[in-house]
N, C-alpha and C. Protein backbone atom coordinates (compact mmCIF):
# COMPACT_ATOMS: atom_id res chain seq x y z
N UNK A 1 -26.06 -9.54 -13.23
CA UNK A 1 -24.70 -9.33 -13.18
C UNK A 1 -24.45 -10.67 -12.63
N UNK A 2 -22.72 -10.70 -13.16
CA UNK A 2 -22.17 -11.81 -12.62
C UNK A 2 -21.46 -11.07 -12.01
N UNK A 3 -20.78 -12.94 -11.11
CA UNK A 3 -20.22 -12.44 -9.64
C UNK A 3 -18.29 -11.52 -11.01
N UNK A 4 -18.39 -12.48 -11.23
CA UNK A 4 -16.56 -12.65 -12.55
C UNK A 4 -17.57 -10.53 -13.30
N UNK A 5 -18.09 -10.17 -12.97
CA UNK A 5 -18.68 -8.98 -13.52
C UNK A 5 -17.92 -7.44 -12.67
N UNK A 6 -19.33 -8.01 -11.77
CA UNK A 6 -18.89 -7.68 -10.05
C UNK A 6 -16.48 -7.15 -9.90
N UNK A 7 -16.19 -8.66 -10.24
CA UNK A 7 -14.94 -8.20 -10.04
C UNK A 7 -13.98 -7.83 -11.12
N UNK A 8 -14.65 -7.47 -12.08
CA UNK A 8 -13.61 -6.93 -12.94
C UNK A 8 -14.16 -5.14 -12.37
N UNK A 9 -15.31 -4.94 -12.67
CA UNK A 9 -16.16 -3.79 -11.69
C UNK A 9 -14.90 -3.32 -11.15
N UNK A 10 -14.80 -3.78 -10.20
CA UNK A 10 -13.55 -3.29 -7.96
C UNK A 10 -12.51 -3.41 -9.48
N UNK A 11 -12.08 -4.35 -9.72
CA UNK A 11 -10.32 -3.83 -10.30
C UNK A 11 -10.61 -2.69 -11.20
N UNK A 12 -11.72 -2.57 -12.19
CA UNK A 12 -11.84 -1.66 -12.08
C UNK A 12 -11.31 0.04 -12.22
N UNK A 13 -12.67 0.04 -10.98
CA UNK A 13 -12.52 1.13 -10.26
C UNK A 13 -11.03 1.74 -9.61
N UNK A 14 -10.31 0.64 -8.87
CA UNK A 14 -8.91 1.07 -8.43
C UNK A 14 -7.42 1.62 -9.19
N UNK A 15 -8.54 1.07 -10.91
CA UNK A 15 -7.53 1.43 -11.56
C UNK A 15 -8.02 3.55 -11.93
N UNK A 16 -9.04 3.07 -11.75
CA UNK A 16 -8.74 4.01 -12.08
C UNK A 16 -8.24 5.82 -11.45
N UNK A 17 -7.67 5.62 -10.91
CA UNK A 17 -6.84 6.10 -10.43
C UNK A 17 -5.18 6.59 -10.31
N UNK A 18 -4.58 5.29 -11.46
CA UNK A 18 -3.48 4.64 -12.19
C UNK A 18 -3.35 3.72 -12.63
N UNK A 19 -1.73 3.29 -13.08
CA UNK A 19 -1.70 2.00 -13.12
C UNK A 19 -1.28 1.57 -11.43
N UNK A 20 -1.62 0.48 -11.85
CA UNK A 20 -1.62 -0.12 -10.60
C UNK A 20 -0.86 -2.11 -9.91
N UNK A 21 0.00 -2.31 -9.55
CA UNK A 21 0.60 -3.48 -9.27
C UNK A 21 -1.32 -4.79 -9.10
N UNK A 22 -0.29 -5.99 -10.31
CA UNK A 22 -1.79 -6.84 -9.76
C UNK A 22 -2.37 -7.15 -8.92
N UNK A 23 -0.78 -7.44 -7.63
CA UNK A 23 -1.01 -8.04 -6.70
C UNK A 23 -2.02 -6.30 -5.47
N UNK A 24 -1.37 -5.62 -5.76
CA UNK A 24 -2.65 -4.23 -5.26
C UNK A 24 -3.31 -3.56 -5.52
N UNK A 25 -4.30 -4.14 -6.11
CA UNK A 25 -5.02 -4.32 -7.21
C UNK A 25 -5.88 -4.80 -5.78
N UNK A 26 -5.07 -6.36 -6.49
CA UNK A 26 -6.22 -7.77 -5.36
C UNK A 26 -6.02 -7.95 -4.33
N UNK A 27 -5.42 -6.30 -3.89
CA UNK A 27 -5.91 -5.94 -2.28
C UNK A 27 -7.12 -5.10 -1.70
N UNK A 28 -6.81 -4.22 -2.64
CA UNK A 28 -7.09 -2.84 -2.89
C UNK A 28 -8.91 -3.48 -3.39
N UNK A 29 -8.61 -4.18 -3.98
CA UNK A 29 -9.86 -4.11 -4.91
C UNK A 29 -11.07 -5.39 -4.14
N UNK A 30 -10.57 -7.01 -2.65
CA UNK A 30 -10.72 -7.77 -2.94
C UNK A 30 -11.01 -8.90 -3.32
N UNK A 31 -10.11 -8.67 -4.22
CA UNK A 31 -10.26 -9.78 -5.78
C UNK A 31 -8.73 -10.96 -5.67
N UNK A 32 -9.18 -11.74 -4.79
CA UNK A 32 -8.19 -12.58 -5.25
C UNK A 32 -7.28 -12.99 -6.30
N UNK A 33 -8.71 -12.88 -7.55
CA UNK A 33 -7.50 -13.71 -8.59
C UNK A 33 -7.88 -12.36 -9.48
N UNK A 34 -7.70 -10.71 -9.22
CA UNK A 34 -7.27 -9.67 -9.99
C UNK A 34 -6.35 -10.11 -11.63
N UNK A 35 -4.76 -10.76 -11.12
CA UNK A 35 -3.88 -10.38 -11.69
C UNK A 35 -4.72 -12.17 -12.47
N UNK A 36 -5.31 -12.79 -12.81
CA UNK A 36 -5.98 -13.27 -13.16
C UNK A 36 -6.94 -12.97 -14.62
N UNK A 37 -7.46 -12.31 -13.65
CA UNK A 37 -8.98 -11.21 -14.33
C UNK A 37 -8.22 -9.93 -15.26
N UNK A 38 -7.58 -9.18 -15.23
CA UNK A 38 -6.64 -8.52 -15.67
C UNK A 38 -5.64 -8.87 -16.67
N UNK A 39 -5.76 -9.96 -16.75
CA UNK A 39 -4.95 -10.53 -17.85
C UNK A 39 -5.35 -11.46 -18.97
N UNK A 40 -6.50 -12.38 -18.02
CA UNK A 40 -7.78 -12.29 -19.95
C UNK A 40 -8.47 -11.39 -19.48
N UNK A 41 -8.88 -10.53 -19.64
CA UNK A 41 -9.46 -8.78 -20.40
C UNK A 41 -10.68 -9.32 -20.95
N UNK A 42 -11.48 -9.92 -20.67
CA UNK A 42 -12.84 -10.46 -21.47
C UNK A 42 -13.01 -9.56 -21.80
N UNK A 43 -13.88 -8.04 -20.77
CA UNK A 43 -14.13 -7.16 -21.48
C UNK A 43 -13.71 -6.24 -22.26
N UNK A 44 -12.32 -5.84 -22.22
CA UNK A 44 -11.20 -5.43 -23.27
C UNK A 44 -10.97 -3.36 -22.21
N UNK A 45 -11.19 -4.19 -21.32
CA UNK A 45 -11.49 -2.64 -19.92
C UNK A 45 -8.83 -2.10 -19.41
N UNK A 46 -8.89 -3.61 -19.29
CA UNK A 46 -7.72 -3.84 -18.87
C UNK A 46 -6.16 -3.62 -19.80
N UNK A 47 -5.12 -2.93 -20.07
CA UNK A 47 -3.85 -3.45 -20.83
C UNK A 47 -2.78 -3.39 -19.79
N UNK A 48 -1.99 -4.50 -20.21
CA UNK A 48 -0.48 -4.53 -18.90
C UNK A 48 0.33 -3.26 -20.06
N UNK A 49 1.15 -3.17 -19.04
CA UNK A 49 1.93 -1.91 -19.35
C UNK A 49 3.12 -2.85 -19.51
N UNK A 50 3.54 -3.49 -18.01
CA UNK A 50 4.71 -4.12 -17.99
C UNK A 50 4.56 -5.10 -16.66
N UNK A 51 5.32 -6.13 -17.04
CA UNK A 51 5.20 -8.26 -16.23
C UNK A 51 4.58 -6.94 -14.82
N UNK A 52 2.94 -7.50 -14.44
CA UNK A 52 2.11 -7.83 -13.33
C UNK A 52 1.75 -6.07 -13.20
N UNK A 53 1.64 -5.63 -13.59
CA UNK A 53 1.49 -4.34 -13.84
C UNK A 53 0.56 -3.58 -14.98
N UNK A 54 -0.86 -3.60 -14.85
CA UNK A 54 -1.96 -3.08 -15.35
C UNK A 54 -2.03 -1.60 -15.50
N UNK A 55 -3.30 -1.10 -16.65
CA UNK A 55 -3.19 0.29 -16.54
C UNK A 55 -4.89 0.32 -17.41
N UNK A 56 -5.97 0.77 -17.75
CA UNK A 56 -6.80 1.16 -18.11
C UNK A 56 -6.90 1.26 -19.34
N UNK A 57 -7.55 0.97 -20.67
CA UNK A 57 -8.15 1.30 -21.52
C UNK A 57 -8.74 2.26 -22.08
N UNK A 58 -8.87 2.47 -24.01
CA UNK A 58 -10.06 3.63 -23.57
C UNK A 58 -11.14 3.24 -23.24
N UNK A 59 -11.49 2.14 -23.39
CA UNK A 59 -12.60 1.42 -23.59
C UNK A 59 -12.64 1.39 -21.69
N UNK A 60 -11.51 1.04 -21.11
CA UNK A 60 -11.69 0.27 -19.84
C UNK A 60 -12.25 1.84 -19.37
N UNK A 61 -11.93 3.14 -19.81
CA UNK A 61 -11.75 4.72 -19.21
C UNK A 61 -13.78 4.55 -19.12
N UNK A 62 -14.55 3.77 -20.65
CA UNK A 62 -15.37 4.75 -20.71
C UNK A 62 -16.27 4.07 -20.07
N UNK A 63 -15.84 2.70 -19.37
CA UNK A 63 -17.25 1.79 -18.31
C UNK A 63 -17.26 2.40 -17.03
N UNK A 64 -15.65 2.97 -17.05
CA UNK A 64 -15.93 3.72 -15.87
C UNK A 64 -17.61 4.61 -15.78
N UNK A 65 -17.64 5.36 -16.53
CA UNK A 65 -18.69 5.97 -16.78
C UNK A 65 -19.71 5.74 -16.71
N UNK A 66 -20.00 4.88 -17.69
CA UNK A 66 -20.74 3.71 -18.38
C UNK A 66 -21.71 2.85 -17.33
N UNK A 67 -20.69 2.57 -16.03
CA UNK A 67 -20.26 1.55 -14.95
C UNK A 67 -21.31 2.61 -13.70
N UNK A 68 -21.35 3.12 -13.37
CA UNK A 68 -21.28 4.45 -12.44
C UNK A 68 -22.12 4.15 -11.75
N UNK A 69 -23.15 3.61 -11.80
CA UNK A 69 -24.43 3.74 -10.53
C UNK A 69 -23.71 2.29 -10.17
N UNK A 70 -23.21 0.71 -10.68
CA UNK A 70 -22.57 -0.54 -10.40
C UNK A 70 -21.56 0.16 -9.95
N UNK A 71 -20.61 0.45 -9.49
CA UNK A 71 -19.90 0.85 -8.70
C UNK A 71 -19.94 1.66 -7.50
N UNK A 72 -20.51 2.11 -7.76
CA UNK A 72 -21.48 3.02 -6.71
C UNK A 72 -22.26 1.72 -5.34
N UNK A 73 -22.65 1.48 -6.20
CA UNK A 73 -23.67 -0.17 -5.11
C UNK A 73 -22.70 -0.74 -5.22
N UNK A 74 -21.73 -1.17 -5.71
CA UNK A 74 -20.29 -2.28 -5.23
C UNK A 74 -20.01 -1.96 -4.09
N UNK A 75 -19.57 -0.06 -3.50
CA UNK A 75 -18.73 0.08 -2.45
C UNK A 75 -19.66 0.83 -1.52
N UNK A 76 -21.02 0.62 -1.41
CA UNK A 76 -21.83 0.70 -0.50
C UNK A 76 -22.19 -0.39 -0.16
N UNK A 77 -21.46 -1.48 -0.56
CA UNK A 77 -21.91 -3.03 -0.19
C UNK A 77 -20.87 -3.52 0.59
N UNK A 78 -19.32 -2.28 -0.02
CA UNK A 78 -18.36 -3.19 0.94
C UNK A 78 -18.05 -2.77 2.19
């Protein structure tokens, strides 16, 4: 798994609780470029609600369960 995908998963897990500002996602997830990552949205998981605020798409919601094992591993590694 690439570092980029791991960062995307970290952002995904933060947004599981609902929409949040990119700066807050960056801080909680520990991903400095969270805003850029969510804006690029290579996996189709993120959607901009308003300027600087993101939420999960239906594909992002599905990715939470599809990547549950990896999300647990990432949290354990923190």
